[in-house]
Amino acid sequence: MTKKFDFNKGLSELEAIVNTMESGDLSLEDSLAYFSKGVELTKSCQSALDQASQKISKLTEQDGFVNEVPFEES
């Protein structure tokens, strides 16, 4: 059974990893381990965002509301 990914928890873990790595107090081996975990979490977060986007697209199409105007990037 696959456990559902918790986006908010994943994002918090990713922020903690970044803060730890930015401290500069890690050995090379630890830095690589944190980096690897960060990449894994980034992929999981992106996948969750993609799934949410697809679900929103489906729901809005079902309601006949299709708006192709992209969000402004900051």
PDB file of N, CA and C in Angstrom:
ATOM      1  N   MET A   1       0.835  -1.189   0.000  1.00  0.00           N
ATOM      2  CA  MET A   1       0.000   0.000   0.000  1.00  0.00           C
ATOM      3  C   MET A   1       0.880   1.253   0.000  1.00  0.00           C
ATOM      4  N   THR A   2       0.605   2.177  -0.908  1.00  0.00           N
ATOM      5  CA  THR A   2       1.385   3.398  -1.024  1.00  0.00           C
ATOM      6  C   THR A   2       0.799   4.472  -0.112  1.00  0.00           C
ATOM      7  N   LYS A   3       1.661   5.067   0.697  1.00  0.00           N
ATOM      8  CA  LYS A   3       1.231   6.137   1.595  1.00  0.00           C
ATOM      9  C   LYS A   3       1.081   7.425   0.806  1.00  0.00           C
ATOM     10  N   LYS A   4      -0.010   8.165   1.044  1.00  0.00           N
ATOM     11  CA  LYS A   4      -0.251   9.422   0.350  1.00  0.00           C
ATOM     12  C   LYS A   4       0.768  10.469   0.816  1.00  0.00           C
ATOM     13  N   PHE A   5       1.327  11.177  -0.154  1.00  0.00           N
ATOM     14  CA  PHE A   5       2.317  12.209   0.142  1.00  0.00           C
ATOM     15  C   PHE A   5       1.634  13.417   0.776  1.00  0.00           C
ATOM     16  N   ASP A   6       2.178  13.892   1.889  1.00  0.00           N
ATOM     17  CA  ASP A   6       1.670  15.085   2.578  1.00  0.00           C
ATOM     18  C   ASP A   6       2.491  16.282   2.089  1.00  0.00           C
ATOM     19  N   PHE A   7       1.878  17.093   1.211  1.00  0.00           N
ATOM     20  CA  PHE A   7       2.585  18.211   0.587  1.00  0.00           C
ATOM     21  C   PHE A   7       3.138  19.183   1.623  1.00  0.00           C
ATOM     22  N   ASN A   8       2.317  19.578   2.591  1.00  0.00           N
ATOM     23  CA  ASN A   8       2.768  20.567   3.584  1.00  0.00           C
ATOM     24  C   ASN A   8       3.932  20.037   4.414  1.00  0.00           C
ATOM     25  N   LYS A   9       3.872  18.770   4.789  1.00  0.00           N
ATOM     26  CA  LYS A   9       4.967  18.166   5.546  1.00  0.00           C
ATOM     27  C   LYS A   9       6.225  18.103   4.680  1.00  0.00           C
ATOM     28  N   GLY A  10       6.054  17.714   3.417  1.00  0.00           N
ATOM     29  CA  GLY A  10       7.190  17.640   2.503  1.00  0.00           C
ATOM     30  C   GLY A  10       7.848  18.987   2.304  1.00  0.00           C
ATOM     31  N   LEU A  11       7.027  20.022   2.158  1.00  0.00           N
ATOM     32  CA  LEU A  11       7.564  21.367   1.980  1.00  0.00           C
ATOM     33  C   LEU A  11       8.309  21.831   3.229  1.00  0.00           C
ATOM     34  N   SER A  12       7.765  21.515   4.398  1.00  0.00           N
ATOM     35  CA  SER A  12       8.446  21.871   5.653  1.00  0.00           C
ATOM     36  C   SER A  12       9.779  21.148   5.777  1.00  0.00           C
ATOM     37  N   GLU A  13       9.801  19.863   5.413  1.00  0.00           N
ATOM     38  CA  GLU A  13      11.050  19.099   5.452  1.00  0.00           C
ATOM     39  C   GLU A  13      12.071  19.689   4.483  1.00  0.00           C
ATOM     40  N   LEU A  14      11.591  20.079   3.314  1.00  0.00           N
ATOM     41  CA  LEU A  14      12.484  20.671   2.320  1.00  0.00           C
ATOM     42  C   LEU A  14      13.081  21.982   2.832  1.00  0.00           C
ATOM     43  N   GLU A  15      12.276  22.809   3.478  1.00  0.00           N
ATOM     44  CA  GLU A  15      12.774  24.060   4.054  1.00  0.00           C
ATOM     45  C   GLU A  15      13.816  23.786   5.138  1.00  0.00           C
ATOM     46  N   ALA A  16      13.572  22.758   5.956  1.00  0.00           N
ATOM     47  CA  ALA A  16      14.525  22.405   7.014  1.00  0.00           C
ATOM     48  C   ALA A  16      15.845  21.938   6.408  1.00  0.00           C
ATOM     49  N   ILE A  17      15.762  21.171   5.328  1.00  0.00           N
ATOM     50  CA  ILE A  17      16.976  20.698   4.656  1.00  0.00           C
ATOM     51  C   ILE A  17      17.779  21.875   4.117  1.00  0.00           C
ATOM     52  N   VAL A  18      17.089  22.815   3.475  1.00  0.00           N
ATOM     53  CA  VAL A  18      17.774  23.987   2.922  1.00  0.00           C
ATOM     54  C   VAL A  18      18.455  24.777   4.051  1.00  0.00           C
ATOM     55  N   ASN A  19      17.741  24.988   5.149  1.00  0.00           N
ATOM     56  CA  ASN A  19      18.324  25.730   6.273  1.00  0.00           C
ATOM     57  C   ASN A  19      19.542  25.020   6.835  1.00  0.00           C
ATOM     58  N   THR A  20      19.462  23.708   6.965  1.00  0.00           N
ATOM     59  CA  THR A  20      20.585  22.926   7.485  1.00  0.00           C
ATOM     60  C   THR A  20      21.778  23.009   6.552  1.00  0.00           C
ATOM     61  N   MET A  21      21.518  22.876   5.250  1.00  0.00           N
ATOM     62  CA  MET A  21      22.613  22.928   4.286  1.00  0.00           C
ATOM     63  C   MET A  21      23.245  24.310   4.220  1.00  0.00           C
ATOM     64  N   GLU A  22      22.424  25.349   4.375  1.00  0.00           N
ATOM     65  CA  GLU A  22      22.953  26.712   4.329  1.00  0.00           C
ATOM     66  C   GLU A  22      23.816  27.040   5.542  1.00  0.00           C
ATOM     67  N   SER A  23      23.670  26.265   6.613  1.00  0.00           N
ATOM     68  CA  SER A  23      24.474  26.525   7.814  1.00  0.00           C
ATOM     69  C   SER A  23      25.957  26.309   7.550  1.00  0.00           C
ATOM     70  N   GLY A  24      26.276  25.429   6.597  1.00  0.00           N
ATOM     71  CA  GLY A  24      27.668  25.188   6.251  1.00  0.00           C
ATOM     72  C   GLY A  24      28.399  24.296   7.228  1.00  0.00           C
ATOM     73  N   ASP A  25      27.688  23.685   8.150  1.00  0.00           N
ATOM     74  CA  ASP A  25      28.328  22.864   9.184  1.00  0.00           C
ATOM     75  C   ASP A  25      28.317  21.373   8.873  1.00  0.00           C
ATOM     76  N   LEU A  26      27.973  20.987   7.651  1.00  0.00           N
ATOM     77  CA  LEU A  26      27.855  19.576   7.302  1.00  0.00           C
ATOM     78  C   LEU A  26      29.113  19.056   6.619  1.00  0.00           C
ATOM     79  N   SER A  27      29.380  17.794   6.824  1.00  0.00           N
ATOM     80  CA  SER A  27      30.468  17.150   6.083  1.00  0.00           C
ATOM     81  C   SER A  27      29.999  16.953   4.645  1.00  0.00           C
ATOM     82  N   LEU A  28      30.915  16.626   3.778  1.00  0.00           N
ATOM     83  CA  LEU A  28      30.574  16.377   2.379  1.00  0.00           C
ATOM     84  C   LEU A  28      29.554  15.245   2.276  1.00  0.00           C
ATOM     85  N   GLU A  29      29.761  14.170   3.027  1.00  0.00           N
ATOM     86  CA  GLU A  29      28.853  13.026   2.988  1.00  0.00           C
ATOM     87  C   GLU A  29      27.453  13.421   3.448  1.00  0.00           C
ATOM     88  N   ASP A  30      27.379  14.182   4.540  1.00  0.00           N
ATOM     89  CA  ASP A  30      26.079  14.627   5.037  1.00  0.00           C
ATOM     90  C   ASP A  30      25.411  15.574   4.047  1.00  0.00           C
ATOM     91  N   SER A  31      26.203  16.460   3.446  1.00  0.00           N
ATOM     92  CA  SER A  31      25.655  17.387   2.446  1.00  0.00           C
ATOM     93  C   SER A  31      25.042  16.622   1.280  1.00  0.00           C
ATOM     94  N   LEU A  32      25.737  15.583   0.823  1.00  0.00           N
ATOM     95  CA  LEU A  32      25.212  14.769  -0.278  1.00  0.00           C
ATOM     96  C   LEU A  32      23.924  14.050   0.120  1.00  0.00           C
ATOM     97  N   ALA A  33      23.862  13.554   1.349  1.00  0.00           N
ATOM     98  CA  ALA A  33      22.660  12.873   1.828  1.00  0.00           C
ATOM     99  C   ALA A  33      21.486  13.850   1.905  1.00  0.00           C
ATOM    100  N   TYR A  34      21.733  15.039   2.439  1.00  0.00           N
ATOM    101  CA  TYR A  34      20.676  16.050   2.511  1.00  0.00           C
ATOM    102  C   TYR A  34      20.244  16.485   1.108  1.00  0.00           C
ATOM    103  N   PHE A  35      21.210  16.651   0.221  1.00  0.00           N
ATOM    104  CA  PHE A  35      20.897  17.052  -1.147  1.00  0.00           C
ATOM    105  C   PHE A  35      20.024  15.997  -1.826  1.00  0.00           C
ATOM    106  N   SER A  36      20.391  14.742  -1.658  1.00  0.00           N
ATOM    107  CA  SER A  36      19.626  13.647  -2.249  1.00  0.00           C
ATOM    108  C   SER A  36      18.189  13.640  -1.723  1.00  0.00           C
ATOM    109  N   LYS A  37      18.025  13.801  -0.423  1.00  0.00           N
ATOM    110  CA  LYS A  37      16.686  13.848   0.180  1.00  0.00           C
ATOM    111  C   LYS A  37      15.922  15.069  -0.336  1.00  0.00           C
ATOM    112  N   GLY A  38      16.612  16.186  -0.499  1.00  0.00           N
ATOM    113  CA  GLY A  38      15.974  17.401  -1.012  1.00  0.00           C
ATOM    114  C   GLY A  38      15.467  17.218  -2.430  1.00  0.00           C
ATOM    115  N   VAL A  39      16.251  16.552  -3.262  1.00  0.00           N
ATOM    116  CA  VAL A  39      15.831  16.285  -4.639  1.00  0.00           C
ATOM    117  C   VAL A  39      14.584  15.400  -4.638  1.00  0.00           C
ATOM    118  N   GLU A  40      14.599  14.373  -3.793  1.00  0.00           N
ATOM    119  CA  GLU A  40      13.458  13.463  -3.676  1.00  0.00           C
ATOM    120  C   GLU A  40      12.191  14.219  -3.246  1.00  0.00           C
ATOM    121  N   LEU A  41      12.333  15.067  -2.243  1.00  0.00           N
ATOM    122  CA  LEU A  41      11.187  15.847  -1.768  1.00  0.00           C
ATOM    123  C   LEU A  41      10.701  16.841  -2.822  1.00  0.00           C
ATOM    124  N   THR A  42      11.631  17.463  -3.545  1.00  0.00           N
ATOM    125  CA  THR A  42      11.254  18.398  -4.605  1.00  0.00           C
ATOM    126  C   THR A  42      10.428  17.705  -5.668  1.00  0.00           C
ATOM    127  N   LYS A  43      10.849  16.513  -6.064  1.00  0.00           N
ATOM    128  CA  LYS A  43      10.098  15.741  -7.063  1.00  0.00           C
ATOM    129  C   LYS A  43       8.710  15.370  -6.546  1.00  0.00           C
ATOM    130  N   SER A  44       8.627  14.974  -5.292  1.00  0.00           N
ATOM    131  CA  SER A  44       7.335  14.610  -4.700  1.00  0.00           C
ATOM    132  C   SER A  44       6.412  15.823  -4.611  1.00  0.00           C
ATOM    133  N   CYS A  45       6.951  16.968  -4.211  1.00  0.00           N
ATOM    134  CA  CYS A  45       6.146  18.198  -4.135  1.00  0.00           C
ATOM    135  C   CYS A  45       5.667  18.607  -5.526  1.00  0.00           C
ATOM    136  N   GLN A  46       6.550  18.537  -6.512  1.00  0.00           N
ATOM    137  CA  GLN A  46       6.164  18.905  -7.878  1.00  0.00           C
ATOM    138  C   GLN A  46       5.089  17.969  -8.407  1.00  0.00           C
ATOM    139  N   SER A  47       5.212  16.695  -8.105  1.00  0.00           N
ATOM    140  CA  SER A  47       4.213  15.718  -8.536  1.00  0.00           C
ATOM    141  C   SER A  47       2.856  16.028  -7.898  1.00  0.00           C
ATOM    142  N   ALA A  48       2.858  16.362  -6.618  1.00  0.00           N
ATOM    143  CA  ALA A  48       1.612  16.708  -5.925  1.00  0.00           C
ATOM    144  C   ALA A  48       0.984  17.959  -6.540  1.00  0.00           C
ATOM    145  N   LEU A  49       1.808  18.947  -6.873  1.00  0.00           N
ATOM    146  CA  LEU A  49       1.296  20.167  -7.508  1.00  0.00           C
ATOM    147  C   LEU A  49       0.730  19.867  -8.894  1.00  0.00           C
ATOM    148  N   ASP A  50       1.407  19.008  -9.650  1.00  0.00           N
ATOM    149  CA  ASP A  50       0.920  18.628 -10.979  1.00  0.00           C
ATOM    150  C   ASP A  50      -0.422  17.911 -10.884  1.00  0.00           C
ATOM    151  N   GLN A  51      -0.559  17.016  -9.913  1.00  0.00           N
ATOM    152  CA  GLN A  51      -1.818  16.298  -9.720  1.00  0.00           C
ATOM    153  C   GLN A  51      -2.939  17.255  -9.336  1.00  0.00           C
ATOM    154  N   ALA A  52      -2.648  18.205  -8.478  1.00  0.00           N
ATOM    155  CA  ALA A  52      -3.647  19.187  -8.076  1.00  0.00           C
ATOM    156  C   ALA A  52      -4.070  20.039  -9.272  1.00  0.00           C
ATOM    157  N   SER A  53      -3.108  20.426 -10.086  1.00  0.00           N
ATOM    158  CA  SER A  53      -3.396  21.228 -11.275  1.00  0.00           C
ATOM    159  C   SER A  53      -4.284  20.455 -12.247  1.00  0.00           C
ATOM    160  N   GLN A  54      -3.980  19.173 -12.443  1.00  0.00           N
ATOM    161  CA  GLN A  54      -4.800  18.348 -13.331  1.00  0.00           C
ATOM    162  C   GLN A  54      -6.217  18.203 -12.799  1.00  0.00           C
ATOM    163  N   LYS A  55      -6.348  18.030 -11.492  1.00  0.00           N
ATOM    164  CA  LYS A  55      -7.669  17.898 -10.880  1.00  0.00           C
ATOM    165  C   LYS A  55      -8.470  19.191 -11.052  1.00  0.00           C
ATOM    166  N   ILE A  56      -7.815  20.325 -10.851  1.00  0.00           N
ATOM    167  CA  ILE A  56      -8.482  21.620 -11.026  1.00  0.00           C
ATOM    168  C   ILE A  56      -8.929  21.785 -12.473  1.00  0.00           C
ATOM    169  N   SER A  57      -8.062  21.407 -13.413  1.00  0.00           N
ATOM    170  CA  SER A  57      -8.413  21.505 -14.834  1.00  0.00           C
ATOM    171  C   SER A  57      -9.632  20.653 -15.155  1.00  0.00           C
ATOM    172  N   LYS A  58      -9.661  19.426 -14.638  1.00  0.00           N
ATOM    173  CA  LYS A  58     -10.809  18.542 -14.871  1.00  0.00           C
ATOM    174  C   LYS A  58     -12.090  19.138 -14.309  1.00  0.00           C
ATOM    175  N   LEU A  59     -11.997  19.626 -13.074  1.00  0.00           N
ATOM    176  CA  LEU A  59     -13.192  20.174 -12.422  1.00  0.00           C
ATOM    177  C   LEU A  59     -13.716  21.408 -13.146  1.00  0.00           C
ATOM    178  N   THR A  60     -12.813  22.283 -13.583  1.00  0.00           N
ATOM    179  CA  THR A  60     -13.265  23.490 -14.264  1.00  0.00           C
ATOM    180  C   THR A  60     -13.804  23.176 -15.648  1.00  0.00           C
ATOM    181  N   GLU A  61     -13.239  22.167 -16.324  1.00  0.00           N
ATOM    182  CA  GLU A  61     -13.754  21.758 -17.628  1.00  0.00           C
ATOM    183  C   GLU A  61     -15.153  21.163 -17.484  1.00  0.00           C
ATOM    184  N   GLN A  62     -15.388  20.403 -16.440  1.00  0.00           N
ATOM    185  CA  GLN A  62     -16.694  19.797 -16.202  1.00  0.00           C
ATOM    186  C   GLN A  62     -17.760  20.866 -15.985  1.00  0.00           C
ATOM    187  N   ASP A  63     -17.367  21.969 -15.390  1.00  0.00           N
ATOM    188  CA  ASP A  63     -18.301  23.060 -15.135  1.00  0.00           C
ATOM    189  C   ASP A  63     -18.414  24.014 -16.318  1.00  0.00           C
ATOM    190  N   GLY A  64     -17.662  23.737 -17.376  1.00  0.00           N
ATOM    191  CA  GLY A  64     -17.706  24.596 -18.554  1.00  0.00           C
ATOM    192  C   GLY A  64     -16.887  25.854 -18.405  1.00  0.00           C
ATOM    193  N   PHE A  65     -16.087  25.932 -17.381  1.00  0.00           N
ATOM    194  CA  PHE A  65     -15.250  27.110 -17.155  1.00  0.00           C
ATOM    195  C   PHE A  65     -13.830  26.776 -17.565  1.00  0.00           C
ATOM    196  N   VAL A  66     -13.405  27.346 -18.665  1.00  0.00           N
ATOM    197  CA  VAL A  66     -12.034  27.138 -19.125  1.00  0.00           C
ATOM    198  C   VAL A  66     -11.397  28.503 -19.298  1.00  0.00           C
ATOM    199  N   ASN A  67     -10.364  28.757 -18.556  1.00  0.00           N
ATOM    200  CA  ASN A  67      -9.679  30.032 -18.591  1.00  0.00           C
ATOM    201  C   ASN A  67      -8.206  29.748 -18.851  1.00  0.00           C
ATOM    202  N   GLU A  68      -7.729  30.108 -20.002  1.00  0.00           N
ATOM    203  CA  GLU A  68      -6.361  29.803 -20.393  1.00  0.00           C
ATOM    204  C   GLU A  68      -5.381  30.932 -20.088  1.00  0.00           C
ATOM    205  N   VAL A  69      -5.747  31.860 -19.231  1.00  0.00           N
ATOM    206  CA  VAL A  69      -4.852  32.959 -18.875  1.00  0.00           C
ATOM    207  C   VAL A  69      -3.916  32.459 -17.788  1.00  0.00           C
ATOM    208  N   PRO A  70      -2.606  32.453 -18.042  1.00  0.00           N
ATOM    209  CA  PRO A  70      -1.654  31.945 -17.027  1.00  0.00           C
ATOM    210  C   PRO A  70      -1.526  32.903 -15.851  1.00  0.00           C
ATOM    211  N   PHE A  71      -1.151  32.355 -14.720  1.00  0.00           N
ATOM    212  CA  PHE A  71      -0.866  33.181 -13.553  1.00  0.00           C
ATOM    213  C   PHE A  71       0.392  33.979 -13.814  1.00  0.00           C
ATOM    214  N   GLU A  72       0.438  35.166 -13.231  1.00  0.00           N
ATOM    215  CA  GLU A  72       1.648  35.974 -13.344  1.00  0.00           C
ATOM    216  C   GLU A  72       2.690  35.411 -12.406  1.00  0.00           C
ATOM    217  N   GLU A  73       3.912  35.285 -12.887  1.00  0.00           N
ATOM    218  CA  GLU A  73       5.001  34.805 -12.041  1.00  0.00           C
ATOM    219  C   GLU A  73       5.613  35.997 -11.340  1.00  0.00           C
ATOM    220  N   SER A  74       5.964  35.796 -10.079  1.00  0.00           N
ATOM    221  CA  SER A  74       6.560  36.898  -9.315  1.00  0.00           C
ATOM    222  C   SER A  74       8.041  36.826  -9.329  1.00  0.00           C
TER     223      SER A  74
END
